[in-house]
Amino acid sequence: MITSAAPTFEHPIAITPSDIDDMGHVNNAVYLRWVQETVVDYWQHISPVDAQEELLWVALKHEITYRVPLFLDDKVDALVTATGTRGSRASFSTNFRRGEDIATEVRSLWCCVDAVTRRPRRITHDIARRFLPS
């Protein structure tokens, strides 16, 4: 398993009226969409085009801790950090921040898959280094 201090990637979040539930705050299910968007944006930002064409990411598990609700006019950023890789799996921490406050924390596990075969594919050292520089 590779573990190391890793850079944090920042992704702006735009809250839309359809994200708001009957209680007047962002619906819990919306956070999963945001995690997906953020991790994919991170991958596209750090990886070469050939790797993006060869590899896809599939979410395996999310653990969400909601601290404070988010509302329509809130300015929110998602901060994602890779926390480790092992075989075909990579773990990430994604925090949704409003100002200086962490509104929601998400720990997730993803599987790297071959874009053609759709089967799990071991994360090479080169790819792991992009997430977790030595």
N, C-alpha and C. Protein backbone atom coordinates (compact mmCIF):
# COMPACT_ATOMS: atom_id res chain seq x y z
N MET A 1 0.84 -1.18 0.00
CA MET A 1 0.00 0.00 0.00
C MET A 1 0.89 1.24 0.00
N ILE A 2 0.54 2.20 -0.84
CA ILE A 2 1.28 3.45 -0.89
C ILE A 2 0.50 4.47 -0.08
N THR A 3 1.14 5.10 0.88
CA THR A 3 0.52 6.20 1.62
C THR A 3 1.54 7.30 1.79
N SER A 4 1.10 8.54 1.68
CA SER A 4 1.99 9.67 1.75
C SER A 4 1.15 10.93 1.86
N ALA A 5 1.80 12.03 2.24
CA ALA A 5 1.10 13.30 2.22
C ALA A 5 0.82 13.63 0.76
N ALA A 6 -0.37 14.06 0.47
CA ALA A 6 -0.76 14.31 -0.91
C ALA A 6 -1.33 15.71 -1.05
N PRO A 7 -1.22 16.27 -2.24
CA PRO A 7 -1.81 17.58 -2.46
C PRO A 7 -3.34 17.50 -2.41
N THR A 8 -3.94 18.62 -2.08
CA THR A 8 -5.39 18.71 -2.06
C THR A 8 -5.84 19.46 -3.30
N PHE A 9 -6.81 18.89 -3.99
CA PHE A 9 -7.36 19.49 -5.20
C PHE A 9 -8.66 20.20 -4.84
N GLU A 10 -8.80 21.44 -5.28
CA GLU A 10 -10.00 22.23 -4.96
C GLU A 10 -10.92 22.30 -6.18
N HIS A 11 -12.19 22.04 -5.93
CA HIS A 11 -13.20 22.03 -6.99
C HIS A 11 -14.39 22.88 -6.53
N PRO A 12 -14.73 23.94 -7.27
CA PRO A 12 -15.87 24.77 -6.85
C PRO A 12 -17.19 24.02 -7.07
N ILE A 13 -18.11 24.24 -6.15
CA ILE A 13 -19.43 23.60 -6.22
C ILE A 13 -20.48 24.69 -6.47
N ALA A 14 -21.34 24.45 -7.44
CA ALA A 14 -22.45 25.37 -7.71
C ALA A 14 -23.74 24.71 -7.22
N ILE A 15 -24.37 25.30 -6.25
CA ILE A 15 -25.63 24.77 -5.73
C ILE A 15 -26.76 25.32 -6.59
N THR A 16 -27.59 24.43 -7.08
CA THR A 16 -28.72 24.82 -7.93
C THR A 16 -30.02 24.59 -7.17
N PRO A 17 -31.10 25.24 -7.60
CA PRO A 17 -32.39 25.03 -6.93
C PRO A 17 -32.82 23.56 -6.87
N SER A 18 -32.46 22.76 -7.87
CA SER A 18 -32.84 21.35 -7.85
C SER A 18 -32.07 20.54 -6.81
N ASP A 19 -30.99 21.11 -6.26
CA ASP A 19 -30.21 20.44 -5.21
C ASP A 19 -30.88 20.56 -3.84
N ILE A 20 -31.84 21.45 -3.72
CA ILE A 20 -32.47 21.77 -2.43
C ILE A 20 -33.68 20.85 -2.20
N ASP A 21 -33.77 20.31 -0.99
CA ASP A 21 -34.87 19.41 -0.67
C ASP A 21 -36.01 20.15 0.04
N ASP A 22 -37.01 19.41 0.49
CA ASP A 22 -38.18 19.99 1.14
C ASP A 22 -37.85 20.67 2.47
N MET A 23 -36.67 20.39 3.02
CA MET A 23 -36.27 21.02 4.28
C MET A 23 -35.51 22.33 4.04
N GLY A 24 -35.29 22.68 2.76
CA GLY A 24 -34.64 23.94 2.44
C GLY A 24 -33.13 23.90 2.37
N HIS A 25 -32.54 22.71 2.46
CA HIS A 25 -31.08 22.60 2.35
C HIS A 25 -30.72 21.58 1.28
N VAL A 26 -29.44 21.45 0.99
CA VAL A 26 -28.97 20.51 -0.02
C VAL A 26 -29.36 19.09 0.39
N ASN A 27 -29.96 18.37 -0.55
CA ASN A 27 -30.38 16.99 -0.32
C ASN A 27 -29.16 16.10 -0.14
N ASN A 28 -29.25 15.14 0.76
CA ASN A 28 -28.12 14.25 1.04
C ASN A 28 -27.59 13.54 -0.20
N ALA A 29 -28.46 13.14 -1.10
CA ALA A 29 -28.03 12.41 -2.30
C ALA A 29 -27.17 13.28 -3.22
N VAL A 30 -27.33 14.57 -3.16
CA VAL A 30 -26.57 15.49 -4.01
C VAL A 30 -25.07 15.40 -3.70
N TYR A 31 -24.74 15.17 -2.44
CA TYR A 31 -23.33 15.09 -2.06
C TYR A 31 -22.61 13.96 -2.82
N LEU A 32 -23.30 12.88 -3.09
CA LEU A 32 -22.68 11.78 -3.84
C LEU A 32 -22.36 12.21 -5.26
N ARG A 33 -23.25 12.97 -5.87
CA ARG A 33 -22.98 13.49 -7.22
C ARG A 33 -21.76 14.42 -7.18
N TRP A 34 -21.71 15.27 -6.14
CA TRP A 34 -20.58 16.18 -6.01
C TRP A 34 -19.26 15.43 -5.81
N VAL A 35 -19.27 14.37 -5.03
CA VAL A 35 -18.05 13.58 -4.84
C VAL A 35 -17.61 13.02 -6.19
N GLN A 36 -18.54 12.46 -6.93
CA GLN A 36 -18.24 11.90 -8.26
C GLN A 36 -17.62 12.99 -9.15
N GLU A 37 -18.26 14.14 -9.23
CA GLU A 37 -17.75 15.23 -10.07
C GLU A 37 -16.36 15.67 -9.63
N THR A 38 -16.15 15.76 -8.34
CA THR A 38 -14.88 16.26 -7.80
C THR A 38 -13.74 15.28 -8.05
N VAL A 39 -13.96 14.00 -7.77
CA VAL A 39 -12.90 13.00 -7.98
C VAL A 39 -12.57 12.88 -9.47
N VAL A 40 -13.59 12.88 -10.32
CA VAL A 40 -13.34 12.80 -11.77
C VAL A 40 -12.60 14.05 -12.25
N ASP A 41 -12.98 15.23 -11.77
CA ASP A 41 -12.28 16.46 -12.15
C ASP A 41 -10.82 16.40 -11.70
N TYR A 42 -10.59 15.90 -10.49
CA TYR A 42 -9.23 15.72 -9.97
C TYR A 42 -8.43 14.80 -10.90
N TRP A 43 -9.01 13.66 -11.25
CA TRP A 43 -8.36 12.70 -12.15
C TRP A 43 -8.02 13.36 -13.48
N GLN A 44 -8.96 14.10 -14.04
CA GLN A 44 -8.72 14.74 -15.34
C GLN A 44 -7.67 15.84 -15.24
N HIS A 45 -7.56 16.45 -14.08
CA HIS A 45 -6.58 17.50 -13.87
C HIS A 45 -5.16 16.95 -13.75
N ILE A 46 -4.99 15.81 -13.10
CA ILE A 46 -3.63 15.32 -12.82
C ILE A 46 -3.12 14.27 -13.79
N SER A 47 -3.99 13.68 -14.60
CA SER A 47 -3.56 12.55 -15.41
C SER A 47 -3.34 12.95 -16.87
N PRO A 48 -2.43 12.24 -17.54
CA PRO A 48 -2.23 12.50 -18.96
C PRO A 48 -3.43 12.00 -19.77
N VAL A 49 -3.60 12.55 -20.94
CA VAL A 49 -4.74 12.22 -21.80
C VAL A 49 -4.81 10.72 -22.09
N ASP A 50 -3.66 10.08 -22.34
CA ASP A 50 -3.68 8.64 -22.65
C ASP A 50 -4.21 7.83 -21.47
N ALA A 51 -3.88 8.22 -20.25
CA ALA A 51 -4.39 7.52 -19.07
C ALA A 51 -5.89 7.72 -18.94
N GLN A 52 -6.38 8.92 -19.24
CA GLN A 52 -7.81 9.19 -19.19
C GLN A 52 -8.57 8.34 -20.20
N GLU A 53 -7.95 8.06 -21.33
CA GLU A 53 -8.58 7.22 -22.35
C GLU A 53 -8.55 5.75 -21.98
N GLU A 54 -7.56 5.33 -21.21
CA GLU A 54 -7.39 3.91 -20.86
C GLU A 54 -8.07 3.51 -19.56
N LEU A 55 -8.26 4.45 -18.64
CA LEU A 55 -8.73 4.11 -17.31
C LEU A 55 -9.99 4.87 -16.93
N LEU A 56 -10.84 4.18 -16.20
CA LEU A 56 -12.05 4.78 -15.64
C LEU A 56 -12.05 4.51 -14.14
N TRP A 57 -12.91 5.22 -13.41
CA TRP A 57 -13.01 5.04 -11.96
C TRP A 57 -14.44 4.72 -11.59
N VAL A 58 -14.59 3.72 -10.75
CA VAL A 58 -15.90 3.30 -10.27
C VAL A 58 -15.91 3.41 -8.74
N ALA A 59 -16.91 4.07 -8.20
CA ALA A 59 -17.02 4.21 -6.74
C ALA A 59 -17.43 2.87 -6.14
N LEU A 60 -16.76 2.49 -5.07
CA LEU A 60 -17.08 1.25 -4.36
C LEU A 60 -17.77 1.51 -3.03
N LYS A 61 -17.39 2.61 -2.38
CA LYS A 61 -17.91 2.86 -1.03
C LYS A 61 -17.76 4.34 -0.70
N HIS A 62 -18.78 4.88 -0.03
CA HIS A 62 -18.72 6.25 0.49
C HIS A 62 -19.18 6.23 1.94
N GLU A 63 -18.47 6.96 2.77
CA GLU A 63 -18.87 7.16 4.16
C GLU A 63 -18.97 8.68 4.37
N ILE A 64 -20.18 9.15 4.66
CA ILE A 64 -20.43 10.59 4.73
C ILE A 64 -20.75 11.02 6.16
N THR A 65 -20.10 12.09 6.58
CA THR A 65 -20.41 12.72 7.86
C THR A 65 -20.91 14.12 7.57
N TYR A 66 -22.18 14.37 7.88
CA TYR A 66 -22.78 15.68 7.68
C TYR A 66 -22.60 16.49 8.96
N ARG A 67 -21.98 17.65 8.87
CA ARG A 67 -21.73 18.49 10.04
C ARG A 67 -22.73 19.64 10.12
N VAL A 68 -22.88 20.37 9.03
CA VAL A 68 -23.84 21.48 8.98
C VAL A 68 -24.52 21.47 7.61
N PRO A 69 -25.77 21.89 7.53
CA PRO A 69 -26.45 21.89 6.24
C PRO A 69 -25.92 23.00 5.32
N LEU A 70 -26.06 22.77 4.03
CA LEU A 70 -25.72 23.77 3.03
C LEU A 70 -27.00 24.26 2.37
N PHE A 71 -26.99 25.54 1.97
CA PHE A 71 -28.19 26.18 1.42
C PHE A 71 -27.89 26.77 0.03
N LEU A 72 -28.95 27.15 -0.65
CA LEU A 72 -28.86 27.58 -2.05
C LEU A 72 -27.81 28.67 -2.29
N ASP A 73 -27.75 29.67 -1.46
CA ASP A 73 -26.83 30.79 -1.71
C ASP A 73 -25.44 30.61 -1.13
N ASP A 74 -25.16 29.44 -0.55
CA ASP A 74 -23.84 29.20 0.03
C ASP A 74 -22.77 29.08 -1.05
N LYS A 75 -21.59 29.60 -0.75
CA LYS A 75 -20.42 29.41 -1.62
C LYS A 75 -19.67 28.21 -1.04
N VAL A 76 -19.54 27.17 -1.86
CA VAL A 76 -18.98 25.90 -1.38
C VAL A 76 -17.85 25.45 -2.29
N ASP A 77 -16.81 24.92 -1.68
CA ASP A 77 -15.71 24.30 -2.41
C ASP A 77 -15.56 22.87 -1.92
N ALA A 78 -15.23 21.99 -2.84
CA ALA A 78 -14.90 20.61 -2.48
C ALA A 78 -13.38 20.50 -2.49
N LEU A 79 -12.85 19.88 -1.47
CA LEU A 79 -11.41 19.68 -1.35
C LEU A 79 -11.16 18.18 -1.31
N VAL A 80 -10.51 17.64 -2.34
CA VAL A 80 -10.28 16.20 -2.40
C VAL A 80 -8.79 15.91 -2.28
N THR A 81 -8.50 14.87 -1.50
CA THR A 81 -7.13 14.43 -1.29
C THR A 81 -7.10 12.91 -1.40
N ALA A 82 -6.16 12.40 -2.17
CA ALA A 82 -5.95 10.95 -2.21
C ALA A 82 -5.30 10.54 -0.90
N THR A 83 -5.76 9.43 -0.34
CA THR A 83 -5.20 9.00 0.95
C THR A 83 -4.46 7.67 0.85
N GLY A 84 -4.57 6.98 -0.29
CA GLY A 84 -3.83 5.73 -0.44
C GLY A 84 -4.25 4.97 -1.67
N THR A 85 -3.40 4.04 -2.10
CA THR A 85 -3.73 3.12 -3.19
C THR A 85 -3.29 1.72 -2.80
N ARG A 86 -3.98 0.76 -3.35
CA ARG A 86 -3.62 -0.65 -3.14
C ARG A 86 -4.25 -1.45 -4.25
N GLY A 87 -3.41 -2.11 -5.05
CA GLY A 87 -3.92 -2.89 -6.17
C GLY A 87 -4.66 -2.00 -7.16
N SER A 88 -5.94 -2.28 -7.35
CA SER A 88 -6.76 -1.48 -8.27
C SER A 88 -7.58 -0.42 -7.53
N ARG A 89 -7.37 -0.29 -6.23
CA ARG A 89 -8.20 0.61 -5.42
C ARG A 89 -7.44 1.86 -4.97
N ALA A 90 -8.21 2.94 -4.89
CA ALA A 90 -7.68 4.20 -4.37
C ALA A 90 -8.69 4.78 -3.40
N SER A 91 -8.18 5.35 -2.32
CA SER A 91 -9.06 5.98 -1.34
C SER A 91 -8.86 7.49 -1.39
N PHE A 92 -9.97 8.19 -1.13
CA PHE A 92 -9.97 9.65 -1.19
C PHE A 92 -10.74 10.21 0.00
N SER A 93 -10.34 11.41 0.40
CA SER A 93 -11.07 12.18 1.38
C SER A 93 -11.56 13.43 0.66
N THR A 94 -12.88 13.68 0.73
CA THR A 94 -13.45 14.86 0.10
C THR A 94 -14.20 15.65 1.17
N ASN A 95 -13.80 16.89 1.36
CA ASN A 95 -14.46 17.76 2.32
C ASN A 95 -15.16 18.88 1.56
N PHE A 96 -16.39 19.15 1.97
CA PHE A 96 -17.13 20.27 1.41
C PHE A 96 -17.04 21.41 2.40
N ARG A 97 -16.49 22.53 1.93
CA ARG A 97 -16.18 23.65 2.80
C ARG A 97 -17.03 24.87 2.42
N ARG A 98 -17.62 25.48 3.43
CA ARG A 98 -18.32 26.76 3.27
C ARG A 98 -17.52 27.75 4.11
N GLY A 99 -16.83 28.66 3.43
CA GLY A 99 -15.92 29.56 4.15
C GLY A 99 -14.82 28.74 4.78
N GLU A 100 -14.63 28.93 6.07
CA GLU A 100 -13.61 28.16 6.80
C GLU A 100 -14.18 26.89 7.43
N ASP A 101 -15.50 26.72 7.35
CA ASP A 101 -16.15 25.59 8.01
C ASP A 101 -16.27 24.38 7.09
N ILE A 102 -15.95 23.21 7.62
CA ILE A 102 -16.17 21.96 6.90
C ILE A 102 -17.62 21.56 7.16
N ALA A 103 -18.42 21.56 6.09
CA ALA A 103 -19.84 21.22 6.21
C ALA A 103 -20.05 19.71 6.18
N THR A 104 -19.28 19.04 5.34
CA THR A 104 -19.46 17.60 5.15
C THR A 104 -18.12 16.95 4.84
N GLU A 105 -17.90 15.77 5.41
CA GLU A 105 -16.70 14.99 5.15
C GLU A 105 -17.10 13.67 4.50
N VAL A 106 -16.38 13.29 3.45
CA VAL A 106 -16.67 12.04 2.76
C VAL A 106 -15.38 11.26 2.60
N ARG A 107 -15.40 10.01 3.04
CA ARG A 107 -14.30 9.08 2.79
C ARG A 107 -14.82 8.11 1.75
N SER A 108 -14.05 7.92 0.67
CA SER A 108 -14.55 7.04 -0.38
C SER A 108 -13.45 6.12 -0.90
N LEU A 109 -13.90 5.02 -1.44
CA LEU A 109 -13.02 4.01 -2.02
C LEU A 109 -13.45 3.82 -3.47
N TRP A 110 -12.47 3.86 -4.37
CA TRP A 110 -12.74 3.77 -5.80
C TRP A 110 -11.92 2.65 -6.41
N CYS A 111 -12.42 2.08 -7.50
CA CYS A 111 -11.71 1.03 -8.23
C CYS A 111 -11.33 1.56 -9.61
N CYS A 112 -10.08 1.38 -9.97
CA CYS A 112 -9.58 1.73 -11.29
C CYS A 112 -9.95 0.58 -12.23
N VAL A 113 -10.60 0.91 -13.35
CA VAL A 113 -10.99 -0.13 -14.30
C VAL A 113 -10.47 0.22 -15.70
N ASP A 114 -10.22 -0.83 -16.46
CA ASP A 114 -9.80 -0.69 -17.85
C ASP A 114 -10.98 -0.17 -18.66
N ALA A 115 -10.77 0.86 -19.46
CA ALA A 115 -11.86 1.48 -20.22
C ALA A 115 -12.44 0.55 -21.27
N VAL A 116 -11.66 -0.41 -21.76
CA VAL A 116 -12.15 -1.33 -22.79
C VAL A 116 -12.81 -2.55 -22.17
N THR A 117 -12.10 -3.22 -21.27
CA THR A 117 -12.62 -4.47 -20.71
C THR A 117 -13.58 -4.26 -19.56
N ARG A 118 -13.53 -3.08 -18.94
CA ARG A 118 -14.34 -2.74 -17.77
C ARG A 118 -14.02 -3.63 -16.56
N ARG A 119 -12.81 -4.18 -16.56
CA ARG A 119 -12.36 -5.01 -15.45
C ARG A 119 -11.37 -4.21 -14.60
N PRO A 120 -11.27 -4.54 -13.31
CA PRO A 120 -10.32 -3.83 -12.45
C PRO A 120 -8.92 -3.88 -13.03
N ARG A 121 -8.22 -2.79 -12.85
CA ARG A 121 -6.85 -2.69 -13.36
C ARG A 121 -5.96 -2.11 -12.26
N ARG A 122 -4.86 -2.79 -12.02
CA ARG A 122 -3.91 -2.36 -10.99
C ARG A 122 -3.46 -0.93 -11.27
N ILE A 123 -3.40 -0.13 -10.23
CA ILE A 123 -2.93 1.24 -10.34
C ILE A 123 -1.41 1.20 -10.41
N THR A 124 -0.86 1.64 -11.52
CA THR A 124 0.60 1.61 -11.68
C THR A 124 1.25 2.63 -10.77
N HIS A 125 2.54 2.43 -10.54
CA HIS A 125 3.29 3.35 -9.69
C HIS A 125 3.22 4.77 -10.26
N ASP A 126 3.29 4.90 -11.59
CA ASP A 126 3.24 6.22 -12.23
C ASP A 126 1.92 6.93 -11.91
N ILE A 127 0.82 6.21 -11.98
CA ILE A 127 -0.49 6.80 -11.68
C ILE A 127 -0.59 7.11 -10.19
N ALA A 128 -0.16 6.18 -9.35
CA ALA A 128 -0.21 6.41 -7.90
C ALA A 128 0.60 7.65 -7.51
N ARG A 129 1.75 7.85 -8.15
CA ARG A 129 2.58 9.03 -7.85
C ARG A 129 1.88 10.33 -8.18
N ARG A 130 0.99 10.32 -9.16
CA ARG A 130 0.25 11.54 -9.51
C ARG A 130 -0.69 11.94 -8.36
N PHE A 131 -1.26 10.94 -7.70
CA PHE A 131 -2.13 11.19 -6.55
C PHE A 131 -1.32 11.41 -5.27
N LEU A 132 -0.29 10.59 -5.11
CA LEU A 132 0.48 10.55 -3.86
C LEU A 132 1.96 10.70 -4.13
N PRO A 133 2.41 11.91 -4.38
CA PRO A 133 3.83 12.09 -4.67
C PRO A 133 4.70 11.63 -3.50
N SER A 134 5.82 11.01 -3.83
CA SER A 134 6.73 10.48 -2.80
C SER A 134 7.49 11.58 -2.12
